[in-house]
Amino acid sequence: MPRSIRFSVFFLLGIVALLLIGPHFFPKSYAEPSSLPFASPSWQHWCGTDLNGRDLFYRMLTGGTISLLVGCAGAFITLLVGTFYGMVAGYVGGWCDAGMTRFIDILYSIPRLIFILIFINAFNERLQQSANDLGWSWLVGSSRILILIVSLGLIEWLTMARLVRGQTLSLKERPFVAAAQILGQRSIIILWRHIFPNLLGILMVTLTLSIPAVIIDEAFLSFLGLGVQAPMSSLGSLLAEGASAINPLRGAWWTLLFPALLLLLLLMTLNYLGNELREFHLKKRS
């Protein structure tokens, strides 16, 4: 494996470790309001404080964890749905393939924002009510995050399905697939044992590139106030708070700059890793 891929993997693991472990090294008081609103960066508060006097660096770590969770979980749903849909469409072919492809085209024409708004308005209150009835108090405050994961995953799978379909159309013409068909193996066995293993390379590349796409969508929605709700925060909601804190009367620039830098660093690392994996995959195939 090239050194650039190993370096980007280790760098990404370092960011993930910082997001997950970092908050445990801070006092609990950093997560609570204090008498230091909009304190500038200092040795005590490395990235300053927010409107309520909470440590911004602590909030960035917890918000980055939520953004990364939404990105990874949403990309995993994309992987499952897109892989299954694309393999079935490409292997069956004919009118079934044509109909499934037209369905993807129809979904592409639906604006993402409208789709997510429908999901939130249709399921958020019902999910919270069900959580209250079952006594799952932790789900009441996290219902919007769960809906974001599902809705974003159901949006991003379209590109994955098209890529998998194209690869499956090519693979099903290979001699090893024809030999399996002559031996009388069922279609599901052929898909699982012969076609799916040959898709792992392109799936890993696409999955790596899907995570930053989902993170960007979540950050955009949270910036508009449609994503993660208080008291929880994500990098998108932190950016929205930072943007509102900059005006002619006061310039709390750190509330916008540092969350934006963390989001930029996370997205650049994921995109770089995805591009390097894609180049490695293409060279390996050639």
C-alpha atoms as a PDB file:
ATOM      1  CA  MET A   1       0.000   0.000   0.000  1.00  0.00           C
ATOM      2  CA  PRO A   2       1.404   3.455  -0.904  1.00  0.00           C
ATOM      3  CA  ARG A   3       2.855   5.618   1.833  1.00  0.00           C
ATOM      4  CA  SER A   4       0.352   8.409   1.125  1.00  0.00           C
ATOM      5  CA  ILE A   5      -2.575   6.106   1.933  1.00  0.00           C
ATOM      6  CA  ARG A   6      -0.952   4.893   5.154  1.00  0.00           C
ATOM      7  CA  PHE A   7      -0.208   8.459   6.201  1.00  0.00           C
ATOM      8  CA  SER A   8      -3.766   9.654   5.510  1.00  0.00           C
ATOM      9  CA  VAL A   9      -5.213   6.659   7.394  1.00  0.00           C
ATOM     10  CA  PHE A  10      -3.048   7.329  10.455  1.00  0.00           C
ATOM     11  CA  PHE A  11      -3.845  11.042  10.297  1.00  0.00           C
ATOM     12  CA  LEU A  12      -7.568  10.304  10.092  1.00  0.00           C
ATOM     13  CA  LEU A  13      -7.326   7.868  13.009  1.00  0.00           C
ATOM     14  CA  GLY A  14      -5.576  10.596  14.994  1.00  0.00           C
ATOM     15  CA  ILE A  15      -8.447  13.020  14.335  1.00  0.00           C
ATOM     16  CA  VAL A  16     -11.010  10.385  15.298  1.00  0.00           C
ATOM     17  CA  ALA A  17      -9.111   9.566  18.501  1.00  0.00           C
ATOM     18  CA  LEU A  18      -8.951  13.270  19.384  1.00  0.00           C
ATOM     19  CA  LEU A  19     -12.702  13.677  18.842  1.00  0.00           C
ATOM     20  CA  LEU A  20     -13.597  10.609  20.895  1.00  0.00           C
ATOM     21  CA  ILE A  21     -11.057  10.779  23.709  1.00  0.00           C
ATOM     22  CA  GLY A  22     -10.310  14.498  23.909  1.00  0.00           C
ATOM     23  CA  PRO A  23     -13.466  15.611  25.776  1.00  0.00           C
ATOM     24  CA  HIS A  24     -12.658  13.251  28.670  1.00  0.00           C
ATOM     25  CA  PHE A  25      -9.526  15.276  29.519  1.00  0.00           C
ATOM     26  CA  PHE A  26     -11.465  18.491  30.102  1.00  0.00           C
ATOM     27  CA  PRO A  27     -13.254  19.498  33.307  1.00  0.00           C
ATOM     28  CA  LYS A  28     -17.033  19.035  33.241  1.00  0.00           C
ATOM     29  CA  SER A  29     -17.374  22.756  33.879  1.00  0.00           C
ATOM     30  CA  TYR A  30     -16.194  23.407  30.311  1.00  0.00           C
ATOM     31  CA  ALA A  31     -19.502  22.018  29.009  1.00  0.00           C
ATOM     32  CA  GLU A  32     -21.581  24.281  31.276  1.00  0.00           C
ATOM     33  CA  PRO A  33     -22.356  28.005  30.984  1.00  0.00           C
ATOM     34  CA  SER A  34     -20.001  30.344  32.801  1.00  0.00           C
ATOM     35  CA  SER A  35     -19.496  34.054  33.431  1.00  0.00           C
ATOM     36  CA  LEU A  36     -17.040  34.381  30.528  1.00  0.00           C
ATOM     37  CA  PRO A  37     -19.138  34.871  27.376  1.00  0.00           C
ATOM     38  CA  PHE A  38     -17.148  35.395  24.193  1.00  0.00           C
ATOM     39  CA  ALA A  39     -13.801  35.135  25.941  1.00  0.00           C
ATOM     40  CA  SER A  40     -10.976  35.315  23.409  1.00  0.00           C
ATOM     41  CA  PRO A  41      -8.537  32.384  22.992  1.00  0.00           C
ATOM     42  CA  SER A  42      -6.198  31.953  25.951  1.00  0.00           C
ATOM     43  CA  TRP A  43      -4.183  29.288  27.749  1.00  0.00           C
ATOM     44  CA  GLN A  44      -7.279  28.386  29.758  1.00  0.00           C
ATOM     45  CA  HIS A  45      -9.633  28.287  26.767  1.00  0.00           C
ATOM     46  CA  TRP A  46      -7.557  27.459  23.689  1.00  0.00           C
ATOM     47  CA  CYS A  47     -10.285  28.370  21.212  1.00  0.00           C
ATOM     48  CA  GLY A  48     -12.146  30.883  23.378  1.00  0.00           C
ATOM     49  CA  THR A  49     -15.710  30.566  24.653  1.00  0.00           C
ATOM     50  CA  ASP A  50     -19.148  30.923  23.097  1.00  0.00           C
ATOM     51  CA  LEU A  51     -22.145  33.106  23.919  1.00  0.00           C
ATOM     52  CA  ASN A  52     -22.891  31.182  27.123  1.00  0.00           C
ATOM     53  CA  GLY A  53     -19.277  30.995  28.275  1.00  0.00           C
ATOM     54  CA  ARG A  54     -18.791  27.330  27.335  1.00  0.00           C
ATOM     55  CA  ASP A  55     -15.361  26.232  26.160  1.00  0.00           C
ATOM     56  CA  LEU A  56     -15.386  26.270  22.370  1.00  0.00           C
ATOM     57  CA  PHE A  57     -12.681  23.639  21.925  1.00  0.00           C
ATOM     58  CA  TYR A  58     -14.658  21.191  24.064  1.00  0.00           C
ATOM     59  CA  ARG A  59     -17.798  21.891  22.011  1.00  0.00           C
ATOM     60  CA  MET A  60     -15.851  21.456  18.782  1.00  0.00           C
ATOM     61  CA  LEU A  61     -14.721  17.993  19.852  1.00  0.00           C
ATOM     62  CA  THR A  62     -18.215  16.875  20.862  1.00  0.00           C
ATOM     63  CA  GLY A  63     -19.760  18.504  17.787  1.00  0.00           C
ATOM     64  CA  GLY A  64     -17.157  16.918  15.521  1.00  0.00           C
ATOM     65  CA  THR A  65     -17.973  13.529  17.032  1.00  0.00           C
ATOM     66  CA  ILE A  66     -21.657  13.954  16.149  1.00  0.00           C
ATOM     67  CA  SER A  67     -20.822  15.130  12.623  1.00  0.00           C
ATOM     68  CA  LEU A  68     -18.511  12.153  12.114  1.00  0.00           C
ATOM     69  CA  LEU A  69     -21.132   9.774  13.530  1.00  0.00           C
ATOM     70  CA  VAL A  70     -23.768  11.093  11.147  1.00  0.00           C
ATOM     71  CA  GLY A  71     -21.318  10.878   8.231  1.00  0.00           C
ATOM     72  CA  CYS A  72     -20.183   7.301   8.928  1.00  0.00           C
ATOM     73  CA  ALA A  73     -23.651   5.944   9.743  1.00  0.00           C
ATOM     74  CA  GLY A  74     -25.237   7.691   6.758  1.00  0.00           C
ATOM     75  CA  ALA A  75     -22.494   6.421   4.442  1.00  0.00           C
ATOM     76  CA  PHE A  76     -23.015   2.879   5.795  1.00  0.00           C
ATOM     77  CA  ILE A  77     -26.719   3.065   4.884  1.00  0.00           C
ATOM     78  CA  THR A  78     -25.657   4.361   1.469  1.00  0.00           C
ATOM     79  CA  LEU A  79     -23.349   1.370   1.084  1.00  0.00           C
ATOM     80  CA  LEU A  80     -26.020  -1.182   1.985  1.00  0.00           C
ATOM     81  CA  VAL A  81     -28.847   0.262  -0.102  1.00  0.00           C
ATOM     82  CA  GLY A  82     -26.752   1.305  -3.094  1.00  0.00           C
ATOM     83  CA  THR A  83     -24.841  -1.985  -3.302  1.00  0.00           C
ATOM     84  CA  PHE A  84     -27.943  -4.178  -3.105  1.00  0.00           C
ATOM     85  CA  TYR A  85     -29.925  -2.037  -5.532  1.00  0.00           C
ATOM     86  CA  GLY A  86     -27.101  -1.711  -8.064  1.00  0.00           C
ATOM     87  CA  MET A  87     -26.205  -5.416  -7.995  1.00  0.00           C
ATOM     88  CA  VAL A  88     -29.806  -6.499  -8.551  1.00  0.00           C
ATOM     89  CA  ALA A  89     -30.352  -3.992 -11.371  1.00  0.00           C
ATOM     90  CA  GLY A  90     -27.099  -4.852 -13.148  1.00  0.00           C
ATOM     91  CA  TYR A  91     -27.378  -8.630 -12.803  1.00  0.00           C
ATOM     92  CA  VAL A  92     -31.058  -9.029 -13.727  1.00  0.00           C
ATOM     93  CA  GLY A  93     -30.884  -6.575 -16.627  1.00  0.00           C
ATOM     94  CA  GLY A  94     -33.642  -6.121 -19.175  1.00  0.00           C
ATOM     95  CA  TRP A  95     -36.845  -4.330 -18.265  1.00  0.00           C
ATOM     96  CA  CYS A  96     -36.060  -4.667 -14.561  1.00  0.00           C
ATOM     97  CA  ASP A  97     -32.778  -2.805 -14.997  1.00  0.00           C
ATOM     98  CA  ALA A  98     -34.467  -0.129 -17.115  1.00  0.00           C
ATOM     99  CA  GLY A  99     -37.225   0.414 -14.548  1.00  0.00           C
ATOM    100  CA  MET A 100     -34.835   0.546 -11.597  1.00  0.00           C
ATOM    101  CA  THR A 101     -32.594   2.995 -13.448  1.00  0.00           C
ATOM    102  CA  ARG A 102     -35.545   5.276 -14.262  1.00  0.00           C
ATOM    103  CA  PHE A 103     -36.505   5.190 -10.583  1.00  0.00           C
ATOM    104  CA  ILE A 104     -33.022   6.472  -9.711  1.00  0.00           C
ATOM    105  CA  ASP A 105     -33.438   9.270 -12.255  1.00  0.00           C
ATOM    106  CA  ILE A 106     -36.741  10.261 -10.635  1.00  0.00           C
ATOM    107  CA  LEU A 107     -35.164  10.386  -7.178  1.00  0.00           C
ATOM    108  CA  TYR A 108     -32.306  12.496  -8.551  1.00  0.00           C
ATOM    109  CA  SER A 109     -34.861  15.124  -9.614  1.00  0.00           C
ATOM    110  CA  ILE A 110     -36.245  15.534  -6.054  1.00  0.00           C
ATOM    111  CA  PRO A 111     -34.518  18.381  -4.154  1.00  0.00           C
ATOM    112  CA  ARG A 112     -32.626  17.023  -1.153  1.00  0.00           C
ATOM    113  CA  LEU A 113     -33.835  19.729   1.203  1.00  0.00           C
ATOM    114  CA  ILE A 114     -37.491  18.937   0.514  1.00  0.00           C
ATOM    115  CA  PHE A 115     -36.877  15.218   1.010  1.00  0.00           C
ATOM    116  CA  ILE A 116     -35.207  15.781   4.396  1.00  0.00           C
ATOM    117  CA  LEU A 117     -37.862  18.254   5.523  1.00  0.00           C
ATOM    118  CA  ILE A 118     -40.547  15.676   4.739  1.00  0.00           C
ATOM    119  CA  PHE A 119     -38.674  13.082   6.783  1.00  0.00           C
ATOM    120  CA  ILE A 120     -38.253  15.437   9.756  1.00  0.00           C
ATOM    121  CA  ASN A 121     -41.877  16.614   9.772  1.00  0.00           C
ATOM    122  CA  ALA A 122     -43.237  13.111   9.248  1.00  0.00           C
ATOM    123  CA  PHE A 123     -41.176  11.125  11.738  1.00  0.00           C
ATOM    124  CA  ASN A 124     -39.606  13.390  14.373  1.00  0.00           C
ATOM    125  CA  GLU A 125     -42.629  13.804  16.646  1.00  0.00           C
ATOM    126  CA  ARG A 126     -43.704  10.193  16.186  1.00  0.00           C
ATOM    127  CA  LEU A 127     -40.231   8.940  17.030  1.00  0.00           C
ATOM    128  CA  GLN A 128     -40.079  11.098  20.155  1.00  0.00           C
ATOM    129  CA  GLN A 129     -43.535   9.917  21.247  1.00  0.00           C
ATOM    130  CA  SER A 130     -42.573   6.281  20.726  1.00  0.00           C
ATOM    131  CA  ALA A 131     -39.356   6.823  22.680  1.00  0.00           C
ATOM    132  CA  ASN A 132     -41.325   8.345  25.565  1.00  0.00           C
ATOM    133  CA  ASP A 133     -43.773   5.438  25.576  1.00  0.00           C
ATOM    134  CA  LEU A 134     -40.906   2.931  25.688  1.00  0.00           C
ATOM    135  CA  GLY A 135     -39.006   4.878  28.327  1.00  0.00           C
ATOM    136  CA  TRP A 136     -36.029   5.525  26.042  1.00  0.00           C
ATOM    137  CA  SER A 137     -35.240   9.038  27.237  1.00  0.00           C
ATOM    138  CA  TRP A 138     -31.896   9.049  25.422  1.00  0.00           C
ATOM    139  CA  LEU A 139     -33.687   8.724  22.074  1.00  0.00           C
ATOM    140  CA  VAL A 140     -35.936  11.736  22.658  1.00  0.00           C
ATOM    141  CA  GLY A 141     -33.039  14.175  22.441  1.00  0.00           C
ATOM    142  CA  SER A 142     -31.312  12.209  19.676  1.00  0.00           C
ATOM    143  CA  SER A 143     -34.333  11.702  17.409  1.00  0.00           C
ATOM    144  CA  ARG A 144     -33.264  14.431  14.986  1.00  0.00           C
ATOM    145  CA  ILE A 145     -29.814  12.851  14.661  1.00  0.00           C
ATOM    146  CA  LEU A 146     -31.343   9.452  13.876  1.00  0.00           C
ATOM    147  CA  ILE A 147     -33.629  10.975  11.252  1.00  0.00           C
ATOM    148  CA  LEU A 148     -30.689  12.814   9.686  1.00  0.00           C
ATOM    149  CA  ILE A 149     -28.682   9.596   9.471  1.00  0.00           C
ATOM    150  CA  VAL A 150     -31.499   7.710   7.766  1.00  0.00           C
ATOM    151  CA  SER A 151     -32.585  10.521   5.423  1.00  0.00           C
ATOM    152  CA  LEU A 152     -29.041  11.426   4.340  1.00  0.00           C
ATOM    153  CA  GLY A 153     -28.222   7.746   3.824  1.00  0.00           C
ATOM    154  CA  LEU A 154     -31.306   7.359   1.630  1.00  0.00           C
ATOM    155  CA  ILE A 155     -30.209  10.355  -0.462  1.00  0.00           C
ATOM    156  CA  GLU A 156     -26.566   9.524  -1.107  1.00  0.00           C
ATOM    157  CA  TRP A 157     -27.130   5.913  -2.235  1.00  0.00           C
ATOM    158  CA  LEU A 158     -28.119   6.937  -5.769  1.00  0.00           C
ATOM    159  CA  THR A 159     -24.555   7.502  -6.980  1.00  0.00           C
ATOM    160  CA  MET A 160     -23.404   4.311  -5.264  1.00  0.00           C
ATOM    161  CA  ALA A 161     -26.153   2.326  -7.004  1.00  0.00           C
ATOM    162  CA  ARG A 162     -25.166   3.632 -10.433  1.00  0.00           C
ATOM    163  CA  LEU A 163     -21.508   2.761  -9.929  1.00  0.00           C
ATOM    164  CA  VAL A 164     -22.329  -0.730  -8.651  1.00  0.00           C
ATOM    165  CA  ARG A 165     -24.768  -1.317 -11.496  1.00  0.00           C
ATOM    166  CA  GLY A 166     -22.146  -0.428 -14.100  1.00  0.00           C
ATOM    167  CA  GLN A 167     -19.561  -2.723 -12.507  1.00  0.00           C
ATOM    168  CA  THR A 168     -22.090  -5.552 -12.201  1.00  0.00           C
ATOM    169  CA  LEU A 169     -23.035  -5.262 -15.885  1.00  0.00           C
ATOM    170  CA  SER A 170     -19.367  -5.751 -16.729  1.00  0.00           C
ATOM    171  CA  LEU A 171     -18.710  -8.548 -14.226  1.00  0.00           C
ATOM    172  CA  LYS A 172     -21.684 -10.705 -15.198  1.00  0.00           C
ATOM    173  CA  GLU A 173     -20.174 -11.143 -18.661  1.00  0.00           C
ATOM    174  CA  ARG A 174     -16.967 -12.628 -17.223  1.00  0.00           C
ATOM    175  CA  PRO A 175     -16.234 -16.352 -17.741  1.00  0.00           C
ATOM    176  CA  PHE A 176     -16.317 -17.209 -14.026  1.00  0.00           C
ATOM    177  CA  VAL A 177     -19.920 -15.967 -13.784  1.00  0.00           C
ATOM    178  CA  ALA A 178     -20.914 -17.962 -16.866  1.00  0.00           C
ATOM    179  CA  ALA A 179     -19.270 -21.053 -15.370  1.00  0.00           C
ATOM    180  CA  ALA A 180     -21.222 -20.585 -12.130  1.00  0.00           C
ATOM    181  CA  GLN A 181     -24.467 -20.288 -14.098  1.00  0.00           C
ATOM    182  CA  ILE A 182     -23.708 -23.470 -16.041  1.00  0.00           C
ATOM    183  CA  LEU A 183     -23.084 -25.289 -12.768  1.00  0.00           C
ATOM    184  CA  GLY A 184     -26.600 -24.335 -11.708  1.00  0.00           C
ATOM    185  CA  GLN A 185     -25.747 -21.952  -8.873  1.00  0.00           C
ATOM    186  CA  ARG A 186     -28.578 -19.687  -7.782  1.00  0.00           C
ATOM    187  CA  SER A 187     -28.460 -15.987  -8.608  1.00  0.00           C
ATOM    188  CA  ILE A 188     -28.122 -14.947  -4.977  1.00  0.00           C
ATOM    189  CA  ILE A 189     -25.086 -17.241  -4.572  1.00  0.00           C
ATOM    190  CA  ILE A 190     -23.492 -15.850  -7.731  1.00  0.00           C
ATOM    191  CA  LEU A 191     -24.016 -12.297  -6.541  1.00  0.00           C
ATOM    192  CA  TRP A 192     -22.597 -13.016  -3.102  1.00  0.00           C
ATOM    193  CA  ARG A 193     -19.666 -15.308  -3.936  1.00  0.00           C
ATOM    194  CA  HIS A 194     -18.543 -14.120  -7.372  1.00  0.00           C
ATOM    195  CA  ILE A 195     -19.691 -10.561  -8.058  1.00  0.00           C
ATOM    196  CA  PHE A 196     -19.655  -8.907  -4.632  1.00  0.00           C
ATOM    197  CA  PRO A 197     -15.987  -9.758  -3.833  1.00  0.00           C
ATOM    198  CA  ASN A 198     -14.952  -8.101  -7.098  1.00  0.00           C
ATOM    199  CA  LEU A 199     -16.822  -4.945  -6.097  1.00  0.00           C
ATOM    200  CA  LEU A 200     -15.038  -4.450  -2.773  1.00  0.00           C
ATOM    201  CA  GLY A 201     -12.372  -2.153  -4.205  1.00  0.00           C
ATOM    202  CA  ILE A 202     -14.773   0.328  -5.794  1.00  0.00           C
ATOM    203  CA  LEU A 203     -17.083   0.068  -2.769  1.00  0.00           C
ATOM    204  CA  MET A 204     -14.328   1.059  -0.334  1.00  0.00           C
ATOM    205  CA  VAL A 205     -13.352   4.015  -2.510  1.00  0.00           C
ATOM    206  CA  THR A 206     -16.939   5.206  -2.887  1.00  0.00           C
ATOM    207  CA  LEU A 207     -17.648   4.721   0.811  1.00  0.00           C
ATOM    208  CA  THR A 208     -14.642   6.861   1.741  1.00  0.00           C
ATOM    209  CA  LEU A 209     -15.890   9.632  -0.538  1.00  0.00           C
ATOM    210  CA  SER A 210     -19.498   9.286   0.681  1.00  0.00           C
ATOM    211  CA  ILE A 211     -18.619  10.083   4.306  1.00  0.00           C
ATOM    212  CA  PRO A 212     -17.508  13.699   3.613  1.00  0.00           C
ATOM    213  CA  ALA A 213     -20.537  14.178   1.330  1.00  0.00           C
ATOM    214  CA  VAL A 214     -22.892  13.213   4.166  1.00  0.00           C
ATOM    215  CA  ILE A 215     -20.940  15.387   6.628  1.00  0.00           C
ATOM    216  CA  ILE A 216     -21.285  18.394   4.318  1.00  0.00           C
ATOM    217  CA  ASP A 217     -25.040  17.814   3.967  1.00  0.00           C
ATOM    218  CA  GLU A 218     -25.433  17.533   7.744  1.00  0.00           C
ATOM    219  CA  ALA A 219     -23.375  20.679   8.330  1.00  0.00           C
ATOM    220  CA  PHE A 220     -25.465  22.595   5.791  1.00  0.00           C
ATOM    221  CA  LEU A 221     -28.733  21.471   7.379  1.00  0.00           C
ATOM    222  CA  SER A 222     -27.515  22.221  10.898  1.00  0.00           C
ATOM    223  CA  PHE A 223     -26.298  25.632   9.730  1.00  0.00           C
ATOM    224  CA  LEU A 224     -29.848  26.351   8.549  1.00  0.00           C
ATOM    225  CA  GLY A 225     -31.276  25.124  11.853  1.00  0.00           C
ATOM    226  CA  LEU A 226     -32.761  21.944  10.341  1.00  0.00           C
ATOM    227  CA  GLY A 227     -30.222  19.494  11.729  1.00  0.00           C
ATOM    228  CA  VAL A 228     -28.894  18.811  15.196  1.00  0.00           C
ATOM    229  CA  GLN A 229     -30.806  20.725  17.852  1.00  0.00           C
ATOM    230  CA  ALA A 230     -29.620  22.208  21.168  1.00  0.00           C
ATOM    231  CA  PRO A 231     -28.346  21.254  23.671  1.00  0.00           C
ATOM    232  CA  MET A 232     -26.484  18.949  21.263  1.00  0.00           C
ATOM    233  CA  SER A 233     -24.241  20.496  18.658  1.00  0.00           C
ATOM    234  CA  SER A 234     -22.468  19.582  15.472  1.00  0.00           C
ATOM    235  CA  LEU A 235     -19.896  21.435  13.429  1.00  0.00           C
ATOM    236  CA  GLY A 236     -22.698  22.878  11.302  1.00  0.00           C
ATOM    237  CA  SER A 237     -24.605  24.271  14.280  1.00  0.00           C
ATOM    238  CA  LEU A 238     -21.349  25.670  15.705  1.00  0.00           C
ATOM    239  CA  LEU A 239     -20.754  27.466  12.410  1.00  0.00           C
ATOM    240  CA  ALA A 240     -24.260  28.925  12.587  1.00  0.00           C
ATOM    241  CA  GLU A 241     -23.624  30.172  16.130  1.00  0.00           C
ATOM    242  CA  GLY A 242     -20.270  31.604  15.074  1.00  0.00           C
ATOM    243  CA  ALA A 243     -21.763  33.414  12.094  1.00  0.00           C
ATOM    244  CA  SER A 244     -24.416  35.015  14.296  1.00  0.00           C
ATOM    245  CA  ALA A 245     -21.712  36.169  16.746  1.00  0.00           C
ATOM    246  CA  ILE A 246     -19.941  38.296  14.141  1.00  0.00           C
ATOM    247  CA  ASN A 247     -21.485  41.737  13.649  1.00  0.00           C
ATOM    248  CA  PRO A 248     -20.361  45.402  13.672  1.00  0.00           C
ATOM    249  CA  LEU A 249     -20.787  45.614  17.466  1.00  0.00           C
ATOM    250  CA  ARG A 250     -18.609  42.653  18.371  1.00  0.00           C
ATOM    251  CA  GLY A 251     -16.226  40.411  16.485  1.00  0.00           C
ATOM    252  CA  ALA A 252     -15.994  37.003  18.144  1.00  0.00           C
ATOM    253  CA  TRP A 253     -14.132  35.655  15.114  1.00  0.00           C
ATOM    254  CA  TRP A 254     -12.900  32.545  16.934  1.00  0.00           C
ATOM    255  CA  THR A 255     -16.442  31.156  17.218  1.00  0.00           C
ATOM    256  CA  LEU A 256     -16.535  30.855  13.428  1.00  0.00           C
ATOM    257  CA  LEU A 257     -12.886  30.311  12.499  1.00  0.00           C
ATOM    258  CA  PHE A 258     -11.982  27.306  14.653  1.00  0.00           C
ATOM    259  CA  PRO A 259     -15.089  25.151  13.899  1.00  0.00           C
ATOM    260  CA  ALA A 260     -14.607  25.938  10.199  1.00  0.00           C
ATOM    261  CA  LEU A 261     -10.950  24.850  10.379  1.00  0.00           C
ATOM    262  CA  LEU A 262     -11.872  21.575  12.092  1.00  0.00           C
ATOM    263  CA  LEU A 263     -14.551  20.849   9.494  1.00  0.00           C
ATOM    264  CA  LEU A 264     -12.117  21.719   6.695  1.00  0.00           C
ATOM    265  CA  LEU A 265      -9.416  19.469   8.160  1.00  0.00           C
ATOM    266  CA  LEU A 266     -11.813  16.540   8.524  1.00  0.00           C
ATOM    267  CA  LEU A 267     -13.218  16.887   5.004  1.00  0.00           C
ATOM    268  CA  MET A 268      -9.805  17.357   3.380  1.00  0.00           C
ATOM    269  CA  THR A 269      -8.441  14.255   5.109  1.00  0.00           C
ATOM    270  CA  LEU A 270     -11.390  12.098   4.030  1.00  0.00           C
ATOM    271  CA  ASN A 271     -11.342  13.410   0.468  1.00  0.00           C
ATOM    272  CA  TYR A 272      -7.587  12.947   0.181  1.00  0.00           C
ATOM    273  CA  LEU A 273      -7.864   9.381   1.445  1.00  0.00           C
ATOM    274  CA  GLY A 274     -10.688   8.658  -1.000  1.00  0.00           C
ATOM    275  CA  ASN A 275      -8.756  10.091  -3.947  1.00  0.00           C
ATOM    276  CA  GLU A 276      -5.613   8.130  -3.047  1.00  0.00           C
ATOM    277  CA  LEU A 277      -7.617   4.912  -2.714  1.00  0.00           C
ATOM    278  CA  ARG A 278      -9.208   5.570  -6.100  1.00  0.00           C
ATOM    279  CA  GLU A 279      -5.828   6.102  -7.760  1.00  0.00           C
ATOM    280  CA  PHE A 280      -4.471   2.946  -6.101  1.00  0.00           C
ATOM    281  CA  HIS A 281      -7.507   0.967  -7.229  1.00  0.00           C
ATOM    282  CA  LEU A 282      -7.182   2.181 -10.835  1.00  0.00           C
ATOM    283  CA  LYS A 283      -3.467   1.360 -10.942  1.00  0.00           C
ATOM    284  CA  LYS A 284      -4.114  -2.077  -9.461  1.00  0.00           C
ATOM    285  CA  ARG A 285      -6.775  -2.838 -12.091  1.00  0.00           C
ATOM    286  CA  SER A 286      -4.524  -1.702 -14.930  1.00  0.00           C
END
